[in-house]
Amino acid sequence: MAVGEGFNGTLVPVAGITIGVGCAGIKVVGRRDLVIFELSPGSTIGAVFTQNAFCAAPVQICKEHLGAGQATRFLVVNTGNANAGTGQRGLDDARETCTRLAAHKSVDPEQVLPFSTGVIGEYLPMTALANGLPNALATLASDNWQDAAQGILTTDTREKGGSRQFEFENETITVTGIAKGSGMIKPNMATMLAFICTDAPIDQALLQSITEAATTASFNRITVDSDTSTNDACVVMATGKAQVKRVTSAEDPLYGYLLKTIKELMLSLAQQIIRDGEGASKFIEVRVEGALSADEALAVAFSVADSPLFKTAMSASDANWGRILMAVGKSKIDQLDVNCIDVYLGDVQIVAGGERAQGYTEAQGAAIVAQEEIIVRILLQRGVVNESVWTSDLSHEYVRINAEYRS
């Protein structure tokens, strides 16, 4: 199940990036489950990772390698196994993955970043992974984006990707990205896994700023089931191959163009994740208006978007507006005046001043929530800040997928 048609456009290659995709048999024999990104020398990287205290071994090793100060040359991604909850052996396996890849390409192991996604609490099958590396490396090519988008999937039903291009100083700047994620989705920094590349030249610190700002406006605005993964990571790579002046200041015009474009692409990827949420049949925007601050607006929006009762009502196409009020009320907003709150489903007002709107009928609400795409507007009447969060419904299929996940 998924909502809408999904991404079906072209993923434009990025100069300075080649991608290899292989089948290592980490969980399922014959399935693409190993993806390698090769970055040209001189590339810069911005990255954000999960804030889950039980973060996976590859997340820890990524941070360690990025902190070592060496230029990253390779990313290696495996699916089918998260290498999380695996103790010292998990750390050793993540380091060994980097060491083995580094040996194939004559680089330092600290120039390799490892990423894993899949089942938590099981050790990586290192023999299969190691044997898969040469095959994946043999396929390195600039136009392997589509296969890579497929190779990073787990319970996803379809690929997630996109490309954006703009003109700057008579040069075409390209930004292309892919992501994966369908369940265990409430990123607390980034997404499940997302890889975005551009050929723009930019200093590392500024690329990190763009990565954090774009993540905040996109991946940190989605939730499928309120669970933050142990393995979340979002990486933005810049190869510098475009023949334009390098971005060395946030005041440089190219900085603004990059920030806008990367934000747009990340938001598209984030919404693609929600449309393909596990068991999803509805794509829902929860929009909070008139808050005192962004934090306040997001607290209310996530309280609704994370509510199992709200989400199951949406799955059943039941316009149970009492569940919306309940979720708003438990958001712990200081001195919230419930008598000022209005709620709309689409363009239909269902609540006025904290109670059923005059003239509202169940038939009106039912017509809205029967649609695949739903907008819930919550007007707090407290300030001028508006924020949106995107979520999916909670269906029987979600329960089935997760009940059978390890079988």
Protein backbone atom coordinates (compact mmCIF):
# COMPACT_ATOMS: atom_id res chain seq x y z
CA MET A 1 0.00 0.00 0.00
CA ALA A 2 1.18 3.51 -0.78
CA VAL A 3 -0.47 6.84 -1.53
CA GLY A 4 -0.15 8.45 -4.95
CA GLU A 5 2.01 7.44 -7.86
CA GLY A 6 5.40 7.99 -6.22
CA PHE A 7 8.58 9.20 -7.87
CA ASN A 8 8.88 8.32 -11.54
CA GLY A 9 11.24 10.98 -12.87
CA THR A 10 14.87 10.90 -13.97
CA LEU A 11 17.70 10.88 -11.45
CA VAL A 12 20.34 13.14 -12.99
CA PRO A 13 23.98 12.02 -12.49
CA VAL A 14 26.20 14.33 -10.46
CA ALA A 15 29.73 15.00 -11.72
CA GLY A 16 32.25 13.53 -9.32
CA ILE A 17 29.97 10.77 -7.97
CA THR A 18 29.95 7.14 -9.05
CA ILE A 19 27.76 4.46 -7.50
CA GLY A 20 28.13 0.69 -7.29
CA VAL A 21 25.26 -1.66 -6.44
CA GLY A 22 25.56 -5.34 -5.60
CA CYS A 23 23.79 -8.39 -4.16
CA ALA A 24 25.63 -9.66 -1.08
CA GLY A 25 22.85 -11.89 0.28
CA ILE A 26 22.88 -10.18 3.67
CA LYS A 27 19.26 -11.16 4.35
CA VAL A 28 17.77 -12.28 1.04
CA VAL A 29 19.85 -13.97 -1.67
CA GLY A 30 19.69 -12.21 -5.03
CA ARG A 31 18.36 -8.93 -3.70
CA ARG A 32 20.25 -5.65 -4.17
CA ASP A 33 21.50 -4.92 -0.66
CA LEU A 34 24.91 -3.27 -0.98
CA VAL A 35 25.43 0.26 -2.31
CA ILE A 36 28.74 2.11 -2.59
CA PHE A 37 29.19 5.82 -3.31
CA GLU A 38 32.59 6.99 -4.56
CA LEU A 39 33.32 10.70 -4.13
CA SER A 40 35.94 12.50 -6.19
CA PRO A 41 38.95 13.91 -4.29
CA GLY A 42 38.24 17.30 -2.71
CA SER A 43 34.55 16.62 -2.05
CA THR A 44 32.96 17.99 1.12
CA ILE A 45 30.30 16.39 3.31
CA GLY A 46 27.54 17.54 5.65
CA ALA A 47 25.90 14.90 7.83
CA VAL A 48 23.38 14.50 10.62
CA PHE A 49 22.60 11.36 12.58
CA THR A 50 20.01 9.90 14.91
CA GLN A 51 19.67 11.29 18.41
CA ASN A 52 18.47 7.90 19.64
CA ALA A 53 20.78 7.03 22.57
CA PHE A 54 20.89 3.43 21.33
CA CYS A 55 22.52 4.51 18.07
CA ALA A 56 23.86 1.79 15.81
CA ALA A 57 27.51 0.85 15.37
CA PRO A 58 27.80 2.37 11.87
CA VAL A 59 26.48 5.70 13.18
CA GLN A 60 29.17 5.69 15.84
CA ILE A 61 31.89 4.83 13.33
CA CYS A 62 30.66 7.49 10.87
CA LYS A 63 30.98 10.12 13.58
CA GLU A 64 34.40 8.79 14.52
CA HIS A 65 35.67 8.89 10.93
CA LEU A 66 34.21 12.32 10.19
CA GLY A 67 35.88 13.61 13.35
CA ALA A 68 39.26 12.30 12.21
CA GLY A 69 39.44 15.12 9.67
CA GLN A 70 40.24 13.07 6.57
CA ALA A 71 38.39 13.72 3.32
CA THR A 72 35.65 11.13 2.82
CA ARG A 73 36.06 9.14 -0.40
CA PHE A 74 33.51 6.31 -0.03
CA LEU A 75 30.16 5.54 1.56
CA VAL A 76 29.13 1.90 1.93
CA VAL A 77 25.49 1.06 2.67
CA ASN A 78 24.07 -2.36 3.52
CA THR A 79 20.42 -3.30 3.96
CA GLY A 80 18.90 -6.30 5.70
CA ASN A 81 20.82 -5.77 8.94
CA ALA A 82 21.00 -2.61 11.09
CA ASN A 83 24.13 -3.63 13.07
CA ALA A 84 22.46 -2.01 16.10
CA GLY A 85 22.37 -3.47 19.61
CA THR A 86 25.46 -5.49 18.69
CA GLY A 87 27.99 -4.18 21.23
CA GLN A 88 31.72 -4.25 20.61
CA ARG A 89 31.38 -6.84 17.86
CA GLY A 90 29.11 -4.48 15.95
CA LEU A 91 31.69 -1.70 16.18
CA ASP A 92 34.41 -4.10 15.04
CA ASP A 93 32.27 -5.23 12.10
CA ALA A 94 31.57 -1.64 11.01
CA ARG A 95 35.29 -0.85 11.17
CA GLU A 96 36.13 -4.04 9.27
CA THR A 97 33.65 -3.08 6.55
CA CYS A 98 35.52 0.20 6.10
CA THR A 99 38.91 -1.50 6.21
CA ARG A 100 37.98 -4.06 3.56
CA LEU A 101 36.56 -1.44 1.20
CA ALA A 102 39.56 0.82 1.78
CA ALA A 103 41.92 -2.02 0.87
CA HIS A 104 40.13 -2.51 -2.46
CA LYS A 105 40.52 1.18 -3.37
CA SER A 106 43.85 2.03 -1.67
CA VAL A 107 42.43 4.67 0.67
CA ASP A 108 42.55 5.05 4.44
CA PRO A 109 39.74 3.26 6.34
CA GLU A 110 38.83 6.58 7.94
CA GLN A 111 37.95 7.86 4.45
CA VAL A 112 35.07 5.35 4.34
CA LEU A 113 31.71 5.92 6.05
CA PRO A 114 29.51 2.86 6.82
CA PHE A 115 25.69 2.84 6.89
CA SER A 116 23.35 -0.02 7.76
CA THR A 117 19.59 -0.53 7.87
CA GLY A 118 17.42 -3.52 8.67
CA VAL A 119 16.85 -5.81 11.64
CA ILE A 120 18.15 -4.58 15.02
CA GLY A 121 20.04 -6.89 17.37
CA GLU A 122 21.65 -9.26 14.88
CA TYR A 123 25.31 -9.37 13.90
CA LEU A 124 26.35 -8.45 10.37
CA PRO A 125 27.09 -11.51 8.20
CA MET A 126 30.60 -10.28 7.49
CA THR A 127 31.58 -13.06 5.10
CA ALA A 128 28.64 -12.27 2.82
CA LEU A 129 29.24 -8.53 3.07
CA ALA A 130 32.97 -8.85 2.36
CA ASN A 131 32.33 -11.14 -0.61
CA GLY A 132 29.81 -8.66 -1.99
CA LEU A 133 32.15 -5.67 -2.00
CA PRO A 134 34.13 -6.56 -5.18
CA ASN A 135 30.94 -7.13 -7.17
CA ALA A 136 29.47 -3.82 -6.05
CA LEU A 137 32.72 -1.99 -6.78
CA ALA A 138 32.82 -3.52 -10.26
CA THR A 139 29.58 -1.75 -11.12
CA LEU A 140 30.71 1.79 -10.16
CA ALA A 141 29.12 4.18 -12.64
CA SER A 142 27.74 7.70 -12.68
CA ASP A 143 24.25 6.63 -13.79
CA ASN A 144 23.51 4.01 -11.14
CA TRP A 145 21.18 6.22 -9.12
CA GLN A 146 18.01 4.23 -9.86
CA ASP A 147 19.60 0.93 -8.82
CA ALA A 148 20.99 2.61 -5.70
CA ALA A 149 17.54 3.92 -4.79
CA GLN A 150 16.29 0.34 -4.96
CA GLY A 151 19.33 -1.10 -3.21
CA ILE A 152 18.82 0.86 0.02
CA LEU A 153 15.17 -0.19 0.56
CA THR A 154 13.89 -2.43 3.36
CA THR A 155 10.12 -2.58 3.95
CA ASP A 156 9.61 0.22 1.41
CA THR A 157 7.38 -0.64 -1.53
CA ARG A 158 9.01 1.78 -3.96
CA GLU A 159 12.08 3.90 -4.57
CA LYS A 160 12.35 7.49 -3.35
CA GLY A 161 14.42 10.01 -5.23
CA GLY A 162 14.60 13.27 -7.08
CA SER A 163 16.77 15.74 -8.95
CA ARG A 164 16.82 19.52 -9.14
CA GLN A 165 18.89 21.76 -11.43
CA PHE A 166 19.39 25.52 -11.62
CA GLU A 167 21.55 27.91 -13.57
CA PHE A 168 24.27 29.92 -11.83
CA GLU A 169 27.05 31.93 -13.54
CA ASN A 170 26.19 30.23 -16.86
CA GLU A 171 26.72 26.82 -15.26
CA THR A 172 24.07 24.17 -14.54
CA ILE A 173 24.18 23.10 -10.90
CA THR A 174 22.75 19.65 -10.15
CA VAL A 175 21.33 18.28 -6.89
CA THR A 176 20.24 14.62 -6.84
CA GLY A 177 19.17 12.52 -3.88
CA ILE A 178 17.66 9.23 -2.77
CA ALA A 179 16.16 8.10 0.52
CA LYS A 180 14.70 5.03 2.18
CA GLY A 181 12.26 4.63 5.01
CA SER A 182 8.79 3.28 5.58
CA GLY A 183 8.51 2.34 9.24
CA MET A 184 10.21 3.32 12.52
CA ILE A 185 9.85 6.85 11.23
CA LYS A 186 9.97 9.91 13.39
CA PRO A 187 13.43 11.21 12.57
CA ASN A 188 14.98 13.26 15.31
CA MET A 189 17.61 14.87 13.11
CA ALA A 190 17.45 13.32 9.69
CA THR A 191 15.74 10.47 7.97
CA MET A 192 16.14 6.77 8.02
CA LEU A 193 18.80 6.98 5.32
CA ALA A 194 19.15 9.79 2.81
CA PHE A 195 21.97 10.59 0.41
CA ILE A 196 22.00 13.90 -1.48
CA CYS A 197 24.74 14.98 -3.88
CA THR A 198 25.59 18.19 -5.69
CA ASP A 199 28.40 19.26 -7.99
CA ALA A 200 28.56 22.72 -6.39
CA PRO A 201 31.84 23.74 -4.68
CA ILE A 202 31.27 24.65 -1.02
CA ASP A 203 33.25 24.67 2.22
CA GLN A 204 32.47 21.85 4.63
CA ALA A 205 31.20 24.02 7.49
CA LEU A 206 28.76 25.79 5.20
CA LEU A 207 27.55 22.50 3.72
CA GLN A 208 26.97 21.26 7.27
CA SER A 209 24.86 24.35 7.97
CA ILE A 210 22.77 23.71 4.85
CA THR A 211 22.37 20.04 5.81
CA GLU A 212 21.09 20.91 9.28
CA ALA A 213 18.76 23.68 8.10
CA ALA A 214 17.29 21.59 5.28
CA THR A 215 16.84 18.58 7.58
CA THR A 216 14.97 20.68 10.13
CA ALA A 217 12.51 21.84 7.47
CA SER A 218 11.92 18.41 5.94
CA PHE A 219 12.86 15.12 7.57
CA ASN A 220 12.22 16.55 11.03
CA ARG A 221 8.64 17.25 10.00
CA ILE A 222 7.47 13.69 9.32
CA THR A 223 6.22 10.76 11.38
CA VAL A 224 4.82 7.34 10.51
CA ASP A 225 4.73 5.70 13.93
CA SER A 226 6.52 8.09 16.35
CA ASP A 227 9.59 5.84 16.57
CA THR A 228 13.07 7.27 15.96
CA SER A 229 15.39 4.70 14.39
CA THR A 230 18.75 3.69 15.81
CA ASN A 231 20.30 4.14 12.35
CA ASP A 232 18.96 7.44 10.99
CA ALA A 233 21.45 9.31 8.85
CA CYS A 234 21.29 12.06 6.25
CA VAL A 235 24.38 12.90 4.22
CA VAL A 236 24.87 15.74 1.73
CA MET A 237 27.89 15.48 -0.55
CA ALA A 238 29.38 18.26 -2.68
CA THR A 239 31.97 17.33 -5.29
CA GLY A 240 32.90 20.85 -6.43
CA LYS A 241 32.98 19.82 -10.08
CA ALA A 242 30.78 22.69 -11.27
CA GLN A 243 32.93 25.48 -12.70
CA VAL A 244 31.71 28.28 -10.45
CA LYS A 245 33.21 30.23 -7.58
CA ARG A 246 33.47 28.19 -4.38
CA VAL A 247 31.01 29.04 -1.59
CA THR A 248 33.07 30.33 1.33
CA SER A 249 30.44 32.47 3.07
CA ALA A 250 26.73 32.29 3.81
CA GLU A 251 26.55 35.68 2.09
CA ASP A 252 27.63 34.20 -1.25
CA PRO A 253 24.66 34.08 -3.67
CA LEU A 254 25.22 30.40 -4.45
CA TYR A 255 24.75 29.53 -0.77
CA GLY A 256 21.16 30.77 -0.89
CA TYR A 257 20.40 28.90 -4.11
CA LEU A 258 21.84 25.68 -2.69
CA LEU A 259 19.96 26.00 0.58
CA LYS A 260 16.66 26.55 -1.23
CA THR A 261 17.20 23.70 -3.69
CA ILE A 262 18.40 21.16 -1.13
CA LYS A 263 15.47 22.07 1.16
CA GLU A 264 13.02 21.50 -1.69
CA LEU A 265 14.55 18.15 -2.59
CA MET A 266 14.70 16.96 1.02
CA LEU A 267 11.06 17.92 1.58
CA SER A 268 10.10 15.95 -1.51
CA LEU A 269 12.04 12.91 -0.25
CA ALA A 270 10.48 13.24 3.21
CA GLN A 271 6.98 13.37 1.78
CA GLN A 272 7.74 10.39 -0.47
CA ILE A 273 8.60 8.47 2.70
CA ILE A 274 5.24 9.31 4.25
CA ARG A 275 3.38 8.36 1.07
CA ASP A 276 5.09 4.97 1.33
CA GLY A 277 4.67 4.60 5.10
CA GLU A 278 4.15 1.01 6.18
CA GLY A 279 0.55 0.11 5.40
CA ALA A 280 -0.29 3.69 4.45
CA SER A 281 -3.53 4.47 2.65
CA LYS A 282 -3.66 8.19 3.58
CA PHE A 283 -1.19 11.08 3.23
CA ILE A 284 -2.01 13.59 5.95
CA GLU A 285 -0.77 17.11 6.58
CA VAL A 286 -1.34 18.39 10.12
CA ARG A 287 -1.03 22.17 9.92
CA VAL A 288 -0.97 24.23 13.13
CA GLU A 289 -1.59 27.95 12.73
CA GLY A 290 -1.44 30.86 15.13
CA ALA A 291 1.13 29.44 17.58
CA LEU A 292 3.46 31.49 19.76
CA SER A 293 6.56 29.66 18.49
CA ALA A 294 7.68 26.93 16.09
CA ASP A 295 8.29 24.59 19.03
CA GLU A 296 4.73 25.12 20.25
CA ALA A 297 3.24 24.57 16.80
CA LEU A 298 5.28 21.40 16.28
CA ALA A 299 4.37 20.05 19.72
CA VAL A 300 0.68 20.29 18.82
CA ALA A 301 1.17 18.98 15.27
CA PHE A 302 3.19 15.94 16.37
CA SER A 303 0.77 15.23 19.24
CA VAL A 304 -1.97 14.81 16.63
CA ALA A 305 0.17 13.16 13.94
CA ASP A 306 1.56 10.59 16.41
CA SER A 307 -1.78 9.72 18.01
CA PRO A 308 -2.73 6.07 17.29
CA LEU A 309 -6.39 6.96 17.85
CA PHE A 310 -6.29 9.79 15.30
CA LYS A 311 -4.35 7.68 12.80
CA THR A 312 -6.66 4.67 13.07
CA ALA A 313 -9.68 6.94 12.61
CA MET A 314 -8.11 8.27 9.42
CA SER A 315 -7.48 4.70 8.25
CA ALA A 316 -11.18 3.96 8.71
CA SER A 317 -12.19 7.25 7.04
CA ASP A 318 -13.86 8.21 10.31
CA ALA A 319 -14.04 11.99 10.90
CA ASN A 320 -13.74 11.52 14.67
CA TRP A 321 -12.83 15.09 15.52
CA GLY A 322 -12.89 14.33 19.25
CA ARG A 323 -9.61 12.49 18.78
CA ILE A 324 -8.05 15.60 17.28
CA LEU A 325 -9.12 17.69 20.26
CA MET A 326 -7.81 15.02 22.64
CA ALA A 327 -4.41 15.04 20.94
CA VAL A 328 -4.23 18.84 20.95
CA GLY A 329 -5.10 18.87 24.63
CA LYS A 330 -2.34 16.43 25.62
CA SER A 331 0.38 18.41 23.87
CA LYS A 332 1.31 20.14 27.17
CA ILE A 333 1.12 23.68 25.79
CA ASP A 334 1.32 26.20 28.62
CA GLN A 335 -1.94 28.06 29.28
CA LEU A 336 -3.68 26.72 26.18
CA ASP A 337 -7.17 28.21 25.92
CA VAL A 338 -9.22 25.41 24.40
CA ASN A 339 -12.14 27.78 23.95
CA CYS A 340 -10.18 29.61 21.23
CA ILE A 341 -9.34 26.58 19.10
CA ASP A 342 -10.80 26.07 15.63
CA VAL A 343 -10.24 22.92 13.55
CA TYR A 344 -10.76 22.33 9.83
CA LEU A 345 -10.73 19.17 7.74
CA GLY A 346 -9.77 20.51 4.35
CA ASP A 347 -11.97 23.55 3.87
CA VAL A 348 -14.70 22.24 6.21
CA GLN A 349 -14.75 23.74 9.72
CA ILE A 350 -15.50 20.98 12.21
CA VAL A 351 -14.64 22.76 15.48
CA ALA A 352 -15.26 26.40 16.45
CA GLY A 353 -14.20 27.74 19.82
CA GLY A 354 -13.40 24.27 21.13
CA GLU A 355 -16.73 22.63 20.22
CA ARG A 356 -18.61 21.32 17.19
CA ALA A 357 -18.94 24.06 14.58
CA GLN A 358 -22.49 25.20 13.88
CA GLY A 359 -23.85 23.58 10.77
CA TYR A 360 -21.15 20.91 10.61
CA THR A 361 -22.38 17.46 9.63
CA GLU A 362 -20.74 14.07 9.84
CA ALA A 363 -21.33 13.65 6.12
CA GLN A 364 -19.14 16.70 5.41
CA GLY A 365 -16.28 15.30 7.50
CA ALA A 366 -16.66 11.82 6.07
CA ALA A 367 -16.33 13.17 2.52
CA ILE A 368 -12.98 14.77 3.41
CA VAL A 369 -11.40 11.84 5.26
CA ALA A 370 -12.47 9.40 2.56
CA GLN A 371 -9.86 11.03 0.30
CA GLU A 372 -6.29 9.76 -0.01
CA GLU A 373 -4.82 13.18 0.84
CA ILE A 374 -6.10 15.05 3.89
CA ILE A 375 -5.23 18.41 5.44
CA VAL A 376 -6.04 18.97 9.11
CA ARG A 377 -5.79 22.63 10.15
CA ILE A 378 -5.64 23.50 13.85
CA LEU A 379 -5.96 27.22 14.66
CA LEU A 380 -4.64 28.05 18.13
CA GLN A 381 -5.31 31.82 17.97
CA ARG A 382 -2.23 32.54 20.15
CA GLY A 383 0.37 34.02 17.80
CA VAL A 384 1.54 34.20 14.20
CA VAL A 385 3.69 31.07 13.76
CA ASN A 386 2.53 28.28 11.44
CA GLU A 387 4.12 24.83 11.05
CA SER A 388 3.20 21.61 9.25
CA VAL A 389 3.92 17.95 9.94
CA TRP A 390 3.22 15.11 7.52
CA THR A 391 2.04 11.66 8.55
CA SER A 392 0.22 8.55 7.36
CA ASP A 393 -2.68 6.57 8.77
CA LEU A 394 -2.30 3.47 10.95
CA SER A 395 -3.83 0.47 9.24
CA HIS A 396 -4.26 -3.27 9.67
CA GLU A 397 -1.49 -3.64 7.09
CA TYR A 398 0.95 -1.69 9.31
CA VAL A 399 0.32 -4.18 12.10
CA ARG A 400 0.78 -7.15 9.77
CA ILE A 401 4.05 -5.84 8.33
CA ASN A 402 5.58 -5.27 11.75
CA ALA A 403 4.18 -8.44 13.29
CA GLU A 404 5.84 -10.44 10.50
CA TYR A 405 8.99 -8.33 10.15
CA ARG A 406 11.44 -10.94 11.45
CA SER A 407 9.64 -14.01 10.12
